[in-house]
Amino acid sequence: MAERHKLLLESPQLQEEKFPQRFSFSSSKSYILSIAALPGHYAASNSAPSNVIDIFDKTTLQGFQTLSGHEVATTSLRAVDNLAGSMKRCLVSSGKDGSVKAWDERSNSHSIKMTDTRKQHGILCCDVSPDGMTVAAGTELQGDDAVIVYWDPRQPAAPLRVHGSTHSDDITSVSFAPSKDEDSQTNVLLSASTDGLVSTSNADEDDEDEAVIQVGNWGCSVSQAGWIQQDGSASIWAASDMETFSTWTSELDQLLSLDIRAPVLHQRRTWVTDYLITAHSTATSVPNLSVFTGTNEGDVALLSNMNTSVPDAPWCLHKLWTHGHAGVVRSLLWDEENRTIVTGGEDTKINAWPILPMELEVNEDEDEDVDSEGDMDVDMASPKGRKRELDRDSEQKGKRARR
């Protein structure tokens, strides 16, 4: 039997959207690096040298406002439902200027700015706890230190605590668990780094020697990580700079690890992945863990693994969005409430696409017995290399930057 984790099966309900419903362009004609959803609006961060954040109307996708972003580089963008006791959805960003900002679109400026004046590191990622009372940020390596910084957004002038022993290189991703730990009633933070580690920490613990809960060593530079929010043994996903993809238990035991370019399809239609864009998992998302991949020509696919708890389950191709971008797609947002996929690319374009509800033909929690030598024409060749232009800020490191 062929290697089943390289099988890509075509869903009987496969849908393809050949052109976006709406599109626009970044105000600075720069790459669109990150997208977030606000009530009535989408926000999109621009690459250097502009580093601005554009605001687009959801209905028309026309830009109507531009926020200044960060001085050096705007590295991440989040929309959160609760910050500092305010139950209004707001925009939060991080930057290499060493700050995390919460934005007030009415004043066209930030309402909160969090910094660490004692030792300023460039910040690569940030997130806000579900109760809105803790902000976490991961920094780039400066000297021997890469740290996780925590703030109370009600007192932004100085951090609550700084943890410097969790990682030894650039911290590329931080993400709070969707709810507090059931036993300890503390906030749990997932972090990932170019040091190859994926870690969970008690975000409420002042003593950093006691803060780390679990550590998984993937042995490669980790660029993204997130929580898998529905029931099952797989609780965490991670992606590397080398286009490998993995899933992990809550104890950070690795379940799955593969080159995401390996599953390819050559049947009635052809799909060959060049790179991973991102993954998406919420309490309501179908598939549970939705993996978005792209081609160098600018097409996008939604894939899922039939059983993320085992290392060799086949993959399924559910949806395609094509003819919307001319080049690499750098960012993607699934706006579940409005049944919309929003993509941003190196072509400076932002597109809005429909995504219709779907039902899975295969139970993702069961390992289906798929005969790889059946009627399917499956290409088991090695994935082709990706031609991706390096970000200006990371050329000297020889790695791709998604920030």
Protein backbone atom coordinates (compact mmCIF):
# COMPACT_ATOMS: atom_id res chain seq x y z
CA MET A 1 0.00 0.00 0.00
CA ALA A 2 1.27 3.47 -0.83
CA GLU A 3 2.04 5.94 1.93
CA ARG A 4 -1.45 6.98 2.95
CA HIS A 5 -0.49 10.36 4.43
CA LYS A 6 0.46 11.40 0.89
CA LEU A 7 -3.01 10.59 -0.46
CA LEU A 8 -5.19 13.55 -1.37
CA LEU A 9 -8.77 12.53 -2.07
CA GLU A 10 -11.29 14.71 -3.87
CA SER A 11 -14.42 15.41 -1.86
CA PRO A 12 -17.67 14.48 -3.67
CA GLN A 13 -18.89 17.91 -2.54
CA LEU A 14 -15.83 19.75 -3.85
CA GLN A 15 -16.63 23.38 -4.61
CA GLU A 16 -14.54 25.76 -6.69
CA GLU A 17 -14.87 29.53 -6.81
CA LYS A 18 -13.07 30.80 -9.89
CA PHE A 19 -13.22 34.52 -9.14
CA PRO A 20 -13.61 36.56 -5.92
CA GLN A 21 -16.91 38.28 -5.17
CA ARG A 22 -15.15 41.51 -4.18
CA PHE A 23 -11.60 42.79 -4.25
CA SER A 24 -9.49 45.79 -3.41
CA PHE A 25 -5.83 46.74 -2.97
CA SER A 26 -3.61 47.78 -0.08
CA SER A 27 -3.27 51.55 0.22
CA SER A 28 0.52 51.38 0.07
CA LYS A 29 0.73 48.78 -2.72
CA SER A 30 2.52 46.48 -0.26
CA TYR A 31 2.10 42.81 0.64
CA ILE A 32 -0.94 42.06 2.81
CA LEU A 33 0.47 40.10 5.74
CA SER A 34 -2.45 39.63 8.13
CA ILE A 35 -6.23 40.09 8.16
CA ALA A 36 -8.70 40.46 11.04
CA ALA A 37 -12.49 40.90 11.23
CA LEU A 38 -14.23 43.78 13.01
CA PRO A 39 -17.96 44.57 13.08
CA GLY A 40 -18.68 45.77 9.56
CA HIS A 41 -15.00 45.98 8.61
CA TYR A 42 -11.88 43.99 7.77
CA ALA A 43 -8.42 45.14 8.85
CA ALA A 44 -5.29 44.23 6.87
CA SER A 45 -1.67 44.90 7.80
CA ASN A 46 0.79 46.02 5.12
CA SER A 47 4.41 44.93 4.79
CA ALA A 48 7.46 47.19 5.09
CA PRO A 49 8.21 49.92 4.42
CA SER A 50 4.70 51.29 4.98
CA ASN A 51 3.63 49.01 7.90
CA VAL A 52 0.16 50.59 7.91
CA ILE A 53 -3.15 48.89 8.70
CA ASP A 54 -5.90 49.35 6.13
CA ILE A 55 -9.60 49.20 7.07
CA PHE A 56 -12.01 47.86 4.42
CA ASP A 57 -15.80 47.90 4.36
CA LYS A 58 -17.12 44.32 4.58
CA THR A 59 -19.97 44.90 2.15
CA THR A 60 -18.00 46.56 -0.66
CA LEU A 61 -14.39 45.72 0.34
CA GLN A 62 -13.48 49.29 -0.42
CA GLY A 63 -10.81 50.86 1.75
CA PHE A 64 -11.96 53.87 3.75
CA GLN A 65 -9.40 54.30 6.55
CA THR A 66 -5.71 53.71 7.22
CA LEU A 67 -4.14 53.35 10.66
CA SER A 68 -0.47 54.17 11.14
CA GLY A 69 0.51 50.69 12.34
CA HIS A 70 4.02 50.40 13.77
CA GLU A 71 7.24 52.28 13.09
CA VAL A 72 9.47 49.35 12.12
CA ALA A 73 7.14 46.53 11.06
CA THR A 74 3.58 45.50 11.88
CA THR A 75 4.06 41.84 12.72
CA SER A 76 0.65 40.56 13.82
CA LEU A 77 -3.00 41.56 13.87
CA ARG A 78 -5.80 40.28 16.12
CA ALA A 79 -9.47 41.13 16.59
CA VAL A 80 -10.56 40.41 20.17
CA ASP A 81 -13.99 40.51 21.80
CA ASN A 82 -12.86 41.70 25.21
CA LEU A 83 -10.00 43.97 26.27
CA ALA A 84 -9.50 45.57 29.69
CA GLY A 85 -13.14 45.03 30.63
CA SER A 86 -14.56 46.55 27.46
CA MET A 87 -16.86 44.04 25.75
CA LYS A 88 -16.50 45.74 22.38
CA ARG A 89 -14.63 43.95 19.61
CA CYS A 90 -11.37 45.77 18.96
CA LEU A 91 -8.19 45.52 16.92
CA VAL A 92 -4.83 44.67 18.51
CA SER A 93 -1.47 44.67 16.70
CA SER A 94 2.19 44.08 17.47
CA GLY A 95 5.31 45.52 15.92
CA LYS A 96 9.08 45.41 15.79
CA ASP A 97 9.04 48.83 17.45
CA GLY A 98 8.55 46.86 20.69
CA SER A 99 4.90 47.72 21.26
CA VAL A 100 1.46 46.14 21.30
CA LYS A 101 -1.33 48.57 20.39
CA ALA A 102 -5.10 48.48 20.76
CA TRP A 103 -6.73 50.66 18.14
CA ASP A 104 -9.65 53.07 18.25
CA GLU A 105 -10.82 53.48 14.65
CA ARG A 106 -12.96 56.49 15.61
CA SER A 107 -9.89 58.52 16.57
CA ASN A 108 -7.69 56.92 13.89
CA SER A 109 -5.13 56.17 16.59
CA HIS A 110 -4.29 53.65 19.31
CA SER A 111 -6.17 53.81 22.60
CA ILE A 112 -3.71 51.59 24.50
CA LYS A 113 0.02 51.13 23.88
CA MET A 114 1.91 48.45 25.80
CA THR A 115 5.71 48.51 25.92
CA ASP A 116 8.56 47.23 28.06
CA THR A 117 10.76 50.25 28.70
CA ARG A 118 13.34 48.26 30.66
CA LYS A 119 14.57 46.26 27.66
CA GLN A 120 12.87 46.81 24.35
CA HIS A 121 12.67 43.81 22.04
CA GLY A 122 11.04 43.71 18.64
CA ILE A 123 7.68 41.97 19.05
CA LEU A 124 6.68 39.31 16.51
CA CYS A 125 3.27 38.13 17.79
CA CYS A 126 0.61 38.86 20.38
CA ASP A 127 -2.69 37.61 21.78
CA VAL A 128 -5.27 38.54 24.42
CA SER A 129 -6.69 36.18 27.06
CA PRO A 130 -10.39 35.26 26.79
CA ASP A 131 -11.25 37.48 29.78
CA GLY A 132 -9.44 40.43 28.19
CA MET A 133 -7.28 41.05 31.26
CA THR A 134 -3.94 39.70 30.02
CA VAL A 135 -2.02 40.51 26.86
CA ALA A 136 0.91 38.28 25.82
CA ALA A 137 3.58 39.00 23.24
CA GLY A 138 6.53 37.03 21.87
CA THR A 139 9.74 38.80 20.92
CA GLU A 140 12.56 38.31 18.47
CA LEU A 141 15.95 37.20 19.74
CA GLN A 142 18.04 40.08 21.04
CA GLY A 143 21.43 39.05 22.33
CA ASP A 144 20.75 35.84 24.24
CA ASP A 145 17.13 36.63 25.06
CA ALA A 146 13.79 35.95 23.42
CA VAL A 147 11.01 36.57 25.91
CA ILE A 148 7.28 36.30 26.44
CA VAL A 149 5.98 39.59 27.86
CA TYR A 150 2.67 39.86 29.75
CA TRP A 151 0.69 43.04 30.42
CA ASP A 152 -2.47 44.02 32.20
CA PRO A 153 -3.97 46.29 29.49
CA ARG A 154 -5.44 48.51 32.21
CA GLN A 155 -1.85 49.33 33.27
CA PRO A 156 0.06 49.32 29.97
CA ALA A 157 3.12 51.31 31.00
CA ALA A 158 5.00 48.30 32.40
CA PRO A 159 4.67 44.53 32.01
CA LEU A 160 3.09 42.28 34.62
CA ARG A 161 5.84 39.71 34.10
CA VAL A 162 8.48 38.61 31.60
CA HIS A 163 9.35 34.97 30.95
CA GLY A 164 12.77 34.52 29.35
CA SER A 165 13.47 30.80 29.70
CA THR A 166 10.65 29.30 27.61
CA HIS A 167 12.40 29.75 24.25
CA SER A 168 15.94 30.44 23.03
CA ASP A 169 15.17 32.03 19.64
CA ASP A 170 12.55 34.20 17.89
CA ILE A 171 9.08 33.54 19.35
CA THR A 172 6.87 33.37 16.26
CA SER A 173 3.47 32.56 17.74
CA VAL A 174 1.55 33.04 21.01
CA SER A 175 -2.06 31.95 21.47
CA PHE A 176 -4.21 31.72 24.58
CA ALA A 177 -6.32 28.61 25.10
CA PRO A 178 -10.00 29.35 24.35
CA SER A 179 -10.88 28.84 28.03
CA LYS A 180 -9.07 28.62 31.36
CA ASP A 181 -7.61 25.35 32.58
CA GLU A 182 -10.40 23.40 34.27
CA ASP A 183 -8.31 22.31 37.25
CA SER A 184 -6.21 25.38 38.02
CA GLN A 185 -8.53 28.04 36.56
CA THR A 186 -5.52 29.76 35.02
CA ASN A 187 -4.87 31.09 31.53
CA VAL A 188 -2.79 28.75 29.37
CA LEU A 189 -0.59 30.18 26.62
CA LEU A 190 0.64 28.22 23.60
CA SER A 191 3.93 29.49 22.17
CA ALA A 192 6.17 28.44 19.29
CA SER A 193 9.64 29.46 18.21
CA THR A 194 12.35 29.12 15.61
CA ASP A 195 14.21 27.12 18.29
CA GLY A 196 11.99 24.17 17.29
CA LEU A 197 9.95 24.10 20.49
CA VAL A 198 6.19 24.22 20.96
CA SER A 199 5.30 25.02 24.58
CA THR A 200 2.35 25.59 26.88
CA SER A 201 2.72 27.88 29.91
CA ASN A 202 0.70 29.11 32.85
CA ALA A 203 0.25 32.73 31.82
CA ASP A 204 -0.73 33.75 35.36
CA GLU A 205 2.44 32.42 37.02
CA ASP A 206 5.00 35.04 38.08
CA ASP A 207 7.81 32.52 38.63
CA GLU A 208 8.97 31.63 35.13
CA ASP A 209 10.69 28.47 36.41
CA GLU A 210 7.24 27.20 37.42
CA ALA A 211 5.33 28.57 34.44
CA VAL A 212 6.10 26.04 31.69
CA ILE A 213 3.53 23.22 31.60
CA GLN A 214 4.54 21.11 28.57
CA VAL A 215 7.23 21.28 25.88
CA GLY A 216 7.35 19.52 22.51
CA ASN A 217 10.52 19.53 20.41
CA TRP A 218 9.75 19.39 16.70
CA GLY A 219 13.37 19.92 15.69
CA CYS A 220 12.60 22.53 13.01
CA SER A 221 11.89 26.25 12.93
CA VAL A 222 8.20 26.69 13.89
CA SER A 223 6.43 29.58 12.17
CA GLN A 224 2.79 29.12 13.25
CA ALA A 225 0.83 27.25 15.92
CA GLY A 226 -2.73 27.15 17.19
CA TRP A 227 -5.33 25.30 19.22
CA ILE A 228 -7.65 22.62 17.85
CA GLN A 229 -10.89 23.45 19.60
CA GLN A 230 -13.16 20.45 19.18
CA ASP A 231 -13.06 17.11 20.98
CA GLY A 232 -10.35 14.64 20.03
CA SER A 233 -6.85 13.65 21.02
CA ALA A 234 -5.26 16.29 18.73
CA SER A 235 -5.28 19.58 20.63
CA ILE A 236 -2.59 21.68 18.90
CA TRP A 237 -1.38 22.21 15.33
CA ALA A 238 1.93 23.68 14.23
CA ALA A 239 3.62 24.62 10.96
CA SER A 240 7.27 25.16 10.10
CA ASP A 241 9.29 27.40 7.80
CA MET A 242 9.97 24.31 5.67
CA GLU A 243 6.25 23.71 4.90
CA THR A 244 5.95 20.81 7.34
CA PHE A 245 2.74 20.47 9.35
CA SER A 246 2.11 18.70 12.64
CA THR A 247 -0.53 17.93 15.28
CA TRP A 248 0.05 17.37 18.99
CA THR A 249 -1.81 16.23 22.10
CA SER A 250 -2.40 18.63 24.96
CA GLU A 251 0.66 17.02 26.62
CA LEU A 252 2.60 17.95 23.45
CA ASP A 253 3.15 14.41 22.26
CA GLN A 254 3.42 14.56 18.49
CA LEU A 255 0.71 12.76 16.53
CA LEU A 256 1.28 13.80 12.91
CA SER A 257 4.18 15.36 11.03
CA LEU A 258 4.48 15.65 7.26
CA ASP A 259 5.46 17.92 4.39
CA ILE A 260 2.16 19.64 3.56
CA ARG A 261 3.22 19.64 -0.11
CA ALA A 262 3.26 15.83 -0.19
CA PRO A 263 -0.50 15.15 -0.60
CA VAL A 264 -1.20 15.84 -4.28
CA LEU A 265 -4.15 15.13 -6.56
CA HIS A 266 -4.10 14.14 -10.23
CA GLN A 267 -7.56 12.88 -11.14
CA ARG A 268 -10.37 14.78 -12.86
CA ARG A 269 -8.63 17.86 -11.55
CA THR A 270 -5.12 18.56 -10.32
CA TRP A 271 -4.01 20.11 -7.05
CA VAL A 272 -0.37 20.47 -6.00
CA THR A 273 0.39 22.52 -2.88
CA ASP A 274 3.37 24.88 -2.92
CA TYR A 275 3.04 26.26 0.65
CA LEU A 276 0.88 26.38 3.74
CA ILE A 277 -1.06 29.61 4.32
CA THR A 278 -2.59 28.87 7.73
CA ALA A 279 -4.91 26.55 9.63
CA HIS A 280 -8.24 27.33 11.28
CA SER A 281 -10.13 25.64 14.11
CA THR A 282 -13.07 26.91 16.15
CA ALA A 283 -15.91 25.31 18.10
CA THR A 284 -18.06 25.50 14.95
CA SER A 285 -15.64 25.06 12.03
CA VAL A 286 -16.18 22.23 9.55
CA PRO A 287 -13.77 20.57 9.00
CA ASN A 288 -12.68 20.70 12.63
CA LEU A 289 -9.10 21.49 11.62
CA SER A 290 -9.19 23.31 8.27
CA VAL A 291 -5.82 23.59 6.54
CA PHE A 292 -5.43 26.27 3.87
CA THR A 293 -2.69 25.84 1.28
CA GLY A 294 -1.68 27.81 -1.81
CA THR A 295 0.13 27.73 -5.13
CA ASN A 296 2.75 30.08 -6.49
CA GLU A 297 0.15 31.18 -9.06
CA GLY A 298 -2.17 32.44 -6.28
CA ASP A 299 -4.78 29.68 -5.98
CA VAL A 300 -6.03 28.54 -2.56
CA ALA A 301 -7.30 25.16 -1.32
CA LEU A 302 -9.03 23.95 1.85
CA LEU A 303 -7.73 20.55 2.96
CA SER A 304 -8.44 18.38 5.98
CA ASN A 305 -6.83 15.28 7.39
CA MET A 306 -9.17 12.37 7.93
CA ASN A 307 -7.70 11.55 11.33
CA THR A 308 -5.27 14.04 12.87
CA SER A 309 -4.59 11.64 15.75
CA VAL A 310 -2.59 9.15 13.65
CA PRO A 311 0.50 9.74 11.48
CA ASP A 312 -0.68 8.19 8.22
CA ALA A 313 -4.31 9.16 7.54
CA PRO A 314 -5.21 10.42 4.03
CA TRP A 315 -6.14 14.01 3.23
CA CYS A 316 -9.25 15.42 1.56
CA LEU A 317 -9.63 18.40 -0.80
CA HIS A 318 -12.85 20.27 0.01
CA LYS A 319 -12.74 23.68 -1.68
CA LEU A 320 -10.77 25.72 -4.21
CA TRP A 321 -10.56 29.47 -4.77
CA THR A 322 -8.80 30.30 -8.03
CA HIS A 323 -7.99 33.18 -10.40
CA GLY A 324 -8.01 35.74 -7.59
CA HIS A 325 -4.31 36.44 -7.00
CA ALA A 326 -1.20 36.72 -9.14
CA GLY A 327 1.45 35.29 -6.85
CA VAL A 328 1.84 33.99 -3.32
CA VAL A 329 -1.10 34.37 -0.88
CA ARG A 330 0.34 35.62 2.40
CA SER A 331 -2.75 35.84 4.64
CA LEU A 332 -6.20 34.32 5.01
CA LEU A 333 -9.16 34.91 7.32
CA TRP A 334 -12.22 32.67 7.60
CA ASP A 335 -15.11 34.92 8.61
CA GLU A 336 -17.49 32.14 9.67
CA GLU A 337 -20.31 34.49 10.66
CA ASN A 338 -20.50 35.97 7.16
CA ARG A 339 -19.55 32.76 5.31
CA THR A 340 -16.62 34.54 3.74
CA ILE A 341 -12.97 33.78 3.10
CA VAL A 342 -10.74 36.87 2.87
CA THR A 343 -7.29 36.48 1.30
CA GLY A 344 -4.35 38.85 0.95
CA GLY A 345 -1.34 38.44 -1.28
CA GLU A 346 2.02 39.61 -2.48
CA ASP A 347 0.15 41.14 -5.42
CA THR A 348 -1.12 43.79 -2.92
CA LYS A 349 -4.67 42.53 -3.47
CA ILE A 350 -7.33 41.63 -0.90
CA ASN A 351 -10.15 39.32 -2.06
CA ALA A 352 -13.46 38.27 -0.50
CA TRP A 353 -14.77 34.83 -1.49
CA PRO A 354 -17.88 32.86 -0.53
CA ILE A 355 -17.54 29.68 1.53
CA LEU A 356 -20.71 27.62 1.77
CA PRO A 357 -21.43 25.27 4.68
CA MET A 358 -20.38 21.69 4.13
CA GLU A 359 -20.84 18.29 5.66
CA LEU A 360 -17.94 15.90 5.96
CA GLU A 361 -18.23 12.65 4.07
CA VAL A 362 -15.62 11.07 6.33
CA ASN A 363 -15.62 11.15 10.12
CA GLU A 364 -12.36 12.88 11.01
CA ASP A 365 -12.23 11.08 14.36
CA GLU A 366 -12.12 7.65 12.74
CA ASP A 367 -9.26 6.13 10.81
CA GLU A 368 -10.86 5.09 7.54
CA ASP A 369 -9.43 2.11 5.68
CA VAL A 370 -8.52 3.77 2.39
CA ASP A 371 -7.09 1.52 -0.31
CA SER A 372 -4.43 3.59 -2.01
CA GLU A 373 -4.17 1.12 -4.85
CA GLY A 374 -7.80 1.37 -5.88
CA ASP A 375 -9.27 3.36 -8.73
CA MET A 376 -7.63 6.64 -7.76
CA ASP A 377 -4.80 8.05 -9.83
CA VAL A 378 -2.57 9.22 -6.99
CA ASP A 379 0.75 10.89 -7.67
CA MET A 380 3.26 9.82 -5.01
CA ALA A 381 6.14 11.89 -6.39
CA SER A 382 8.08 14.24 -4.19
CA PRO A 383 6.51 17.69 -3.81
CA LYS A 384 7.97 20.36 -5.98
CA GLY A 385 9.98 23.12 -4.41
CA ARG A 386 8.42 26.43 -3.57
CA LYS A 387 9.51 29.68 -5.18
CA ARG A 388 8.76 32.20 -2.47
CA GLU A 389 10.24 35.64 -2.30
CA LEU A 390 11.88 36.32 1.03
CA ASP A 391 10.71 39.19 3.20
CA ARG A 392 13.08 42.15 3.32
CA ASP A 393 13.55 41.83 7.05
CA SER A 394 14.55 38.15 6.94
CA GLU A 395 16.75 37.83 3.88
CA GLN A 396 19.84 37.81 6.05
CA LYS A 397 18.48 34.85 8.02
CA GLY A 398 17.59 32.90 4.90
CA LYS A 399 14.07 32.12 6.06
CA ARG A 400 10.64 33.26 5.00
CA ALA A 401 8.91 35.75 7.24
CA ARG A 402 5.12 35.84 7.50
CA ARG A 403 5.15 38.79 9.83
